[in-house]
Amino acid sequence: MQRWQKGIKELDWQDWLGSELIVRRAALSLQLNVLCGRLSLVTSLSVAHTYRLCILSHRPQFETQVN
């Protein structure tokens, strides 16, 4: 009886460990996806910002003085 319970406990522990690893892997991949999404968003925003600055700096001088 005791040996059987010990076997069940070890099995539960292995199952828990396996599911813990699966959950951690899923969380890690989710974090990586979020991070990659943020990086691409930041990159596109900085490109847009640079483009806007470029346009602003190449506008005629009198237009900037009026505004």
PDB file of N, CA and C in Angstrom:
ATOM      1  N   MET A   1       0.838  -1.203   0.000  1.00  0.00           N
ATOM      2  CA  MET A   1       0.000   0.000   0.000  1.00  0.00           C
ATOM      3  C   MET A   1       0.874   1.255   0.000  1.00  0.00           C
ATOM      4  N   GLN A   2       1.902   1.253   0.870  1.00  0.00           N
ATOM      5  CA  GLN A   2       2.772   2.421   0.958  1.00  0.00           C
ATOM      6  C   GLN A   2       3.559   2.604  -0.340  1.00  0.00           C
ATOM      7  N   ARG A   3       4.024   1.499  -0.909  1.00  0.00           N
ATOM      8  CA  ARG A   3       4.784   1.566  -2.158  1.00  0.00           C
ATOM      9  C   ARG A   3       3.897   2.118  -3.282  1.00  0.00           C
ATOM     10  N   TRP A   4       2.646   1.724  -3.297  1.00  0.00           N
ATOM     11  CA  TRP A   4       1.688   2.166  -4.314  1.00  0.00           C
ATOM     12  C   TRP A   4       1.457   3.670  -4.194  1.00  0.00           C
ATOM     13  N   GLN A   5       1.311   4.154  -2.946  1.00  0.00           N
ATOM     14  CA  GLN A   5       1.110   5.587  -2.715  1.00  0.00           C
ATOM     15  C   GLN A   5       2.342   6.384  -3.144  1.00  0.00           C
ATOM     16  N   LYS A   6       3.510   5.809  -2.862  1.00  0.00           N
ATOM     17  CA  LYS A   6       4.746   6.482  -3.247  1.00  0.00           C
ATOM     18  C   LYS A   6       4.828   6.607  -4.771  1.00  0.00           C
ATOM     19  N   GLY A   7       4.429   5.549  -5.464  1.00  0.00           N
ATOM     20  CA  GLY A   7       4.410   5.561  -6.925  1.00  0.00           C
ATOM     21  C   GLY A   7       3.464   6.635  -7.444  1.00  0.00           C
ATOM     22  N   ILE A   8       2.297   6.769  -6.819  1.00  0.00           N
ATOM     23  CA  ILE A   8       1.312   7.789  -7.217  1.00  0.00           C
ATOM     24  C   ILE A   8       1.892   9.187  -6.993  1.00  0.00           C
ATOM     25  N   LYS A   9       2.532   9.372  -5.832  1.00  0.00           N
ATOM     26  CA  LYS A   9       3.117  10.679  -5.528  1.00  0.00           C
ATOM     27  C   LYS A   9       4.182  11.049  -6.555  1.00  0.00           C
ATOM     28  N   GLU A  10       5.039  10.101  -6.922  1.00  0.00           N
ATOM     29  CA  GLU A  10       6.082  10.377  -7.915  1.00  0.00           C
ATOM     30  C   GLU A  10       5.464  10.713  -9.265  1.00  0.00           C
ATOM     31  N   LEU A  11       4.404   9.978  -9.609  1.00  0.00           N
ATOM     32  CA  LEU A  11       3.724  10.215 -10.873  1.00  0.00           C
ATOM     33  C   LEU A  11       3.098  11.613 -10.874  1.00  0.00           C
ATOM     34  N   ASP A  12       2.438  11.970  -9.767  1.00  0.00           N
ATOM     35  CA  ASP A  12       1.841  13.306  -9.654  1.00  0.00           C
ATOM     36  C   ASP A  12       2.911  14.391  -9.797  1.00  0.00           C
ATOM     37  N   TRP A  13       4.036  14.164  -9.139  1.00  0.00           N
ATOM     38  CA  TRP A  13       5.122  15.134  -9.184  1.00  0.00           C
ATOM     39  C   TRP A  13       5.625  15.307 -10.614  1.00  0.00           C
ATOM     40  N   GLN A  14       5.782  14.169 -11.320  1.00  0.00           N
ATOM     41  CA  GLN A  14       6.251  14.238 -12.710  1.00  0.00           C
ATOM     42  C   GLN A  14       5.225  14.939 -13.589  1.00  0.00           C
ATOM     43  N   ASP A  15       3.961  14.636 -13.381  1.00  0.00           N
ATOM     44  CA  ASP A  15       2.909  15.292 -14.161  1.00  0.00           C
ATOM     45  C   ASP A  15       2.915  16.790 -13.899  1.00  0.00           C
ATOM     46  N   TRP A  16       3.037  17.153 -12.622  1.00  0.00           N
ATOM     47  CA  TRP A  16       3.032  18.566 -12.255  1.00  0.00           C
ATOM     48  C   TRP A  16       4.234  19.277 -12.865  1.00  0.00           C
ATOM     49  N   LEU A  17       5.382  18.617 -12.811  1.00  0.00           N
ATOM     50  CA  LEU A  17       6.598  19.180 -13.367  1.00  0.00           C
ATOM     51  C   LEU A  17       6.455  19.355 -14.876  1.00  0.00           C
ATOM     52  N   GLY A  18       5.878  18.347 -15.533  1.00  0.00           N
ATOM     53  CA  GLY A  18       5.674  18.428 -16.977  1.00  0.00           C
ATOM     54  C   GLY A  18       4.740  19.558 -17.350  1.00  0.00           C
ATOM     55  N   SER A  19       3.640  19.684 -16.625  1.00  0.00           N
ATOM     56  CA  SER A  19       2.689  20.756 -16.942  1.00  0.00           C
ATOM     57  C   SER A  19       3.289  22.116 -16.614  1.00  0.00           C
ATOM     58  N   GLU A  20       4.096  22.177 -15.566  1.00  0.00           N
ATOM     59  CA  GLU A  20       4.777  23.423 -15.203  1.00  0.00           C
ATOM     60  C   GLU A  20       5.707  23.862 -16.330  1.00  0.00           C
ATOM     61  N   LEU A  21       6.435  22.897 -16.894  1.00  0.00           N
ATOM     62  CA  LEU A  21       7.343  23.216 -18.004  1.00  0.00           C
ATOM     63  C   LEU A  21       6.564  23.683 -19.221  1.00  0.00           C
ATOM     64  N   ILE A  22       5.438  23.032 -19.498  1.00  0.00           N
ATOM     65  CA  ILE A  22       4.606  23.424 -20.642  1.00  0.00           C
ATOM     66  C   ILE A  22       4.091  24.840 -20.443  1.00  0.00           C
ATOM     67  N   VAL A  23       3.623  25.126 -19.231  1.00  0.00           N
ATOM     68  CA  VAL A  23       3.104  26.463 -18.928  1.00  0.00           C
ATOM     69  C   VAL A  23       4.210  27.507 -19.063  1.00  0.00           C
ATOM     70  N   ARG A  24       5.385  27.176 -18.553  1.00  0.00           N
ATOM     71  CA  ARG A  24       6.514  28.116 -18.645  1.00  0.00           C
ATOM     72  C   ARG A  24       6.911  28.365 -20.089  1.00  0.00           C
ATOM     73  N   ARG A  25       6.915  27.290 -20.887  1.00  0.00           N
ATOM     74  CA  ARG A  25       7.259  27.439 -22.304  1.00  0.00           C
ATOM     75  C   ARG A  25       6.236  28.320 -23.004  1.00  0.00           C
ATOM     76  N   ALA A  26       4.974  28.093 -22.706  1.00  0.00           N
ATOM     77  CA  ALA A  26       3.912  28.888 -23.329  1.00  0.00           C
ATOM     78  C   ALA A  26       4.051  30.356 -22.918  1.00  0.00           C
ATOM     79  N   ALA A  27       4.322  30.588 -21.636  1.00  0.00           N
ATOM     80  CA  ALA A  27       4.483  31.963 -21.139  1.00  0.00           C
ATOM     81  C   ALA A  27       5.689  32.624 -21.789  1.00  0.00           C
ATOM     82  N   LEU A  28       6.756  31.874 -21.939  1.00  0.00           N
ATOM     83  CA  LEU A  28       7.968  32.417 -22.552  1.00  0.00           C
ATOM     84  C   LEU A  28       7.717  32.777 -24.006  1.00  0.00           C
ATOM     85  N   SER A  29       7.040  31.891 -24.741  1.00  0.00           N
ATOM     86  CA  SER A  29       6.772  32.189 -26.149  1.00  0.00           C
ATOM     87  C   SER A  29       5.829  33.383 -26.267  1.00  0.00           C
ATOM     88  N   LEU A  30       4.890  33.484 -25.327  1.00  0.00           N
ATOM     89  CA  LEU A  30       3.976  34.635 -25.322  1.00  0.00           C
ATOM     90  C   LEU A  30       4.759  35.917 -25.065  1.00  0.00           C
ATOM     91  N   GLN A  31       5.661  35.878 -24.084  1.00  0.00           N
ATOM     92  CA  GLN A  31       6.483  37.044 -23.778  1.00  0.00           C
ATOM     93  C   GLN A  31       7.340  37.437 -24.970  1.00  0.00           C
ATOM     94  N   LEU A  32       7.891  36.428 -25.667  1.00  0.00           N
ATOM     95  CA  LEU A  32       8.716  36.707 -26.840  1.00  0.00           C
ATOM     96  C   LEU A  32       7.883  37.336 -27.942  1.00  0.00           C
ATOM     97  N   ASN A  33       6.663  36.817 -28.133  1.00  0.00           N
ATOM     98  CA  ASN A  33       5.778  37.388 -29.153  1.00  0.00           C
ATOM     99  C   ASN A  33       5.446  38.837 -28.823  1.00  0.00           C
ATOM    100  N   VAL A  34       5.125  39.087 -27.547  1.00  0.00           N
ATOM    101  CA  VAL A  34       4.799  40.447 -27.112  1.00  0.00           C
ATOM    102  C   VAL A  34       6.008  41.363 -27.308  1.00  0.00           C
ATOM    103  N   LEU A  35       7.174  40.859 -26.931  1.00  0.00           N
ATOM    104  CA  LEU A  35       8.400  41.643 -27.067  1.00  0.00           C
ATOM    105  C   LEU A  35       8.673  41.950 -28.533  1.00  0.00           C
ATOM    106  N   CYS A  36       8.528  40.956 -29.400  1.00  0.00           N
ATOM    107  CA  CYS A  36       8.757  41.175 -30.830  1.00  0.00           C
ATOM    108  C   CYS A  36       7.727  42.159 -31.378  1.00  0.00           C
ATOM    109  N   GLY A  37       6.493  42.035 -30.929  1.00  0.00           N
ATOM    110  CA  GLY A  37       5.447  42.966 -31.355  1.00  0.00           C
ATOM    111  C   GLY A  37       5.766  44.384 -30.933  1.00  0.00           C
ATOM    112  N   ARG A  38       6.224  44.536 -29.703  1.00  0.00           N
ATOM    113  CA  ARG A  38       6.591  45.875 -29.206  1.00  0.00           C
ATOM    114  C   ARG A  38       7.766  46.433 -29.979  1.00  0.00           C
ATOM    115  N   LEU A  39       8.746  45.573 -30.257  1.00  0.00           N
ATOM    116  CA  LEU A  39       9.922  46.030 -30.990  1.00  0.00           C
ATOM    117  C   LEU A  39       9.538  46.498 -32.387  1.00  0.00           C
ATOM    118  N   SER A  40       8.666  45.731 -33.061  1.00  0.00           N
ATOM    119  CA  SER A  40       8.268  46.138 -34.411  1.00  0.00           C
ATOM    120  C   SER A  40       7.448  47.420 -34.352  1.00  0.00           C
ATOM    121  N   LEU A  41       6.624  47.557 -33.316  1.00  0.00           N
ATOM    122  CA  LEU A  41       5.832  48.777 -33.149  1.00  0.00           C
ATOM    123  C   LEU A  41       6.748  49.974 -32.927  1.00  0.00           C
ATOM    124  N   VAL A  42       7.711  49.802 -32.035  1.00  0.00           N
ATOM    125  CA  VAL A  42       8.664  50.879 -31.748  1.00  0.00           C
ATOM    126  C   VAL A  42       9.451  51.233 -33.005  1.00  0.00           C
ATOM    127  N   THR A  43       9.855  50.215 -33.749  1.00  0.00           N
ATOM    128  CA  THR A  43      10.622  50.458 -34.975  1.00  0.00           C
ATOM    129  C   THR A  43       9.792  51.239 -35.976  1.00  0.00           C
ATOM    130  N   SER A  44       8.543  50.820 -36.174  1.00  0.00           N
ATOM    131  CA  SER A  44       7.699  51.528 -37.143  1.00  0.00           C
ATOM    132  C   SER A  44       7.401  52.948 -36.669  1.00  0.00           C
ATOM    133  N   LEU A  45       7.212  53.122 -35.357  1.00  0.00           N
ATOM    134  CA  LEU A  45       6.974  54.466 -34.831  1.00  0.00           C
ATOM    135  C   LEU A  45       8.195  55.355 -35.019  1.00  0.00           C
ATOM    136  N   SER A  46       9.377  54.808 -34.760  1.00  0.00           N
ATOM    137  CA  SER A  46      10.583  55.623 -34.906  1.00  0.00           C
ATOM    138  C   SER A  46      10.834  55.948 -36.375  1.00  0.00           C
ATOM    139  N   VAL A  47      10.504  55.014 -37.266  1.00  0.00           N
ATOM    140  CA  VAL A  47      10.653  55.286 -38.701  1.00  0.00           C
ATOM    141  C   VAL A  47       9.697  56.402 -39.105  1.00  0.00           C
ATOM    142  N   ALA A  48       8.444  56.315 -38.619  1.00  0.00           N
ATOM    143  CA  ALA A  48       7.455  57.352 -38.928  1.00  0.00           C
ATOM    144  C   ALA A  48       7.905  58.699 -38.367  1.00  0.00           C
ATOM    145  N   HIS A  49       8.448  58.686 -37.157  1.00  0.00           N
ATOM    146  CA  HIS A  49       8.916  59.912 -36.515  1.00  0.00           C
ATOM    147  C   HIS A  49      10.080  60.523 -37.307  1.00  0.00           C
ATOM    148  N   THR A  50      11.003  59.685 -37.716  1.00  0.00           N
ATOM    149  CA  THR A  50      12.149  60.148 -38.502  1.00  0.00           C
ATOM    150  C   THR A  50      11.677  60.729 -39.827  1.00  0.00           C
ATOM    151  N   TYR A  51      10.712  60.050 -40.432  1.00  0.00           N
ATOM    152  CA  TYR A  51      10.156  60.516 -41.707  1.00  0.00           C
ATOM    153  C   TYR A  51       9.512  61.882 -41.529  1.00  0.00           C
ATOM    154  N   ARG A  52       8.760  62.043 -40.428  1.00  0.00           N
ATOM    155  CA  ARG A  52       8.099  63.321 -40.145  1.00  0.00           C
ATOM    156  C   ARG A  52       9.121  64.433 -39.918  1.00  0.00           C
ATOM    157  N   LEU A  53      10.152  64.117 -39.154  1.00  0.00           N
ATOM    158  CA  LEU A  53      11.214  65.106 -38.914  1.00  0.00           C
ATOM    159  C   LEU A  53      11.880  65.501 -40.220  1.00  0.00           C
ATOM    160  N   CYS A  54      12.078  64.536 -41.087  1.00  0.00           N
ATOM    161  CA  CYS A  54      12.704  64.795 -42.371  1.00  0.00           C
ATOM    162  C   CYS A  54      11.828  65.741 -43.195  1.00  0.00           C
ATOM    163  N   ILE A  55      10.528  65.478 -43.206  1.00  0.00           N
ATOM    164  CA  ILE A  55       9.584  66.336 -43.939  1.00  0.00           C
ATOM    165  C   ILE A  55       9.593  67.743 -43.340  1.00  0.00           C
ATOM    166  N   LEU A  56       9.536  67.820 -41.997  1.00  0.00           N
ATOM    167  CA  LEU A  56       9.509  69.125 -41.337  1.00  0.00           C
ATOM    168  C   LEU A  56      10.770  69.924 -41.632  1.00  0.00           C
ATOM    169  N   SER A  57      11.895  69.260 -41.643  1.00  0.00           N
ATOM    170  CA  SER A  57      13.148  69.979 -41.859  1.00  0.00           C
ATOM    171  C   SER A  57      13.307  70.398 -43.320  1.00  0.00           C
ATOM    172  N   HIS A  58      12.614  69.724 -44.255  1.00  0.00           N
ATOM    173  CA  HIS A  58      12.740  70.071 -45.667  1.00  0.00           C
ATOM    174  C   HIS A  58      11.616  70.983 -46.154  1.00  0.00           C
ATOM    175  N   ARG A  59      10.723  71.368 -45.253  1.00  0.00           N
ATOM    176  CA  ARG A  59       9.657  72.301 -45.655  1.00  0.00           C
ATOM    177  C   ARG A  59      10.253  73.687 -45.901  1.00  0.00           C
ATOM    178  N   PRO A  60       9.597  74.481 -46.711  1.00  0.00           N
ATOM    179  CA  PRO A  60      10.100  75.846 -46.941  1.00  0.00           C
ATOM    180  C   PRO A  60      10.165  76.644 -45.633  1.00  0.00           C
ATOM    181  N   GLN A  61      11.104  77.527 -45.545  1.00  0.00           N
ATOM    182  CA  GLN A  61      11.371  78.252 -44.311  1.00  0.00           C
ATOM    183  C   GLN A  61      10.208  79.164 -43.911  1.00  0.00           C
ATOM    184  N   PHE A  62       9.585  79.835 -44.882  1.00  0.00           N
ATOM    185  CA  PHE A  62       8.520  80.785 -44.542  1.00  0.00           C
ATOM    186  C   PHE A  62       7.297  80.083 -43.953  1.00  0.00           C
ATOM    187  N   GLU A  63       7.075  78.828 -44.363  1.00  0.00           N
ATOM    188  CA  GLU A  63       5.924  78.086 -43.850  1.00  0.00           C
ATOM    189  C   GLU A  63       6.099  77.815 -42.356  1.00  0.00           C
ATOM    190  N   THR A  64       7.318  77.519 -41.933  1.00  0.00           N
ATOM    191  CA  THR A  64       7.566  77.271 -40.510  1.00  0.00           C
ATOM    192  C   THR A  64       7.477  78.573 -39.722  1.00  0.00           C
ATOM    193  N   GLN A  65       7.831  79.714 -40.346  1.00  0.00           N
ATOM    194  CA  GLN A  65       7.763  80.999 -39.639  1.00  0.00           C
ATOM    195  C   GLN A  65       6.316  81.433 -39.431  1.00  0.00           C
ATOM    196  N   VAL A  66       5.441  81.141 -40.395  1.00  0.00           N
ATOM    197  CA  VAL A  66       4.023  81.488 -40.266  1.00  0.00           C
ATOM    198  C   VAL A  66       3.401  80.698 -39.127  1.00  0.00           C
ATOM    199  N   ASN A  67       3.759  79.414 -39.050  1.00  0.00           N
ATOM    200  CA  ASN A  67       3.221  78.569 -37.982  1.00  0.00           C
ATOM    201  C   ASN A  67       3.998  78.835 -36.738  1.00  0.00           C
TER     202      ASN A  67
END
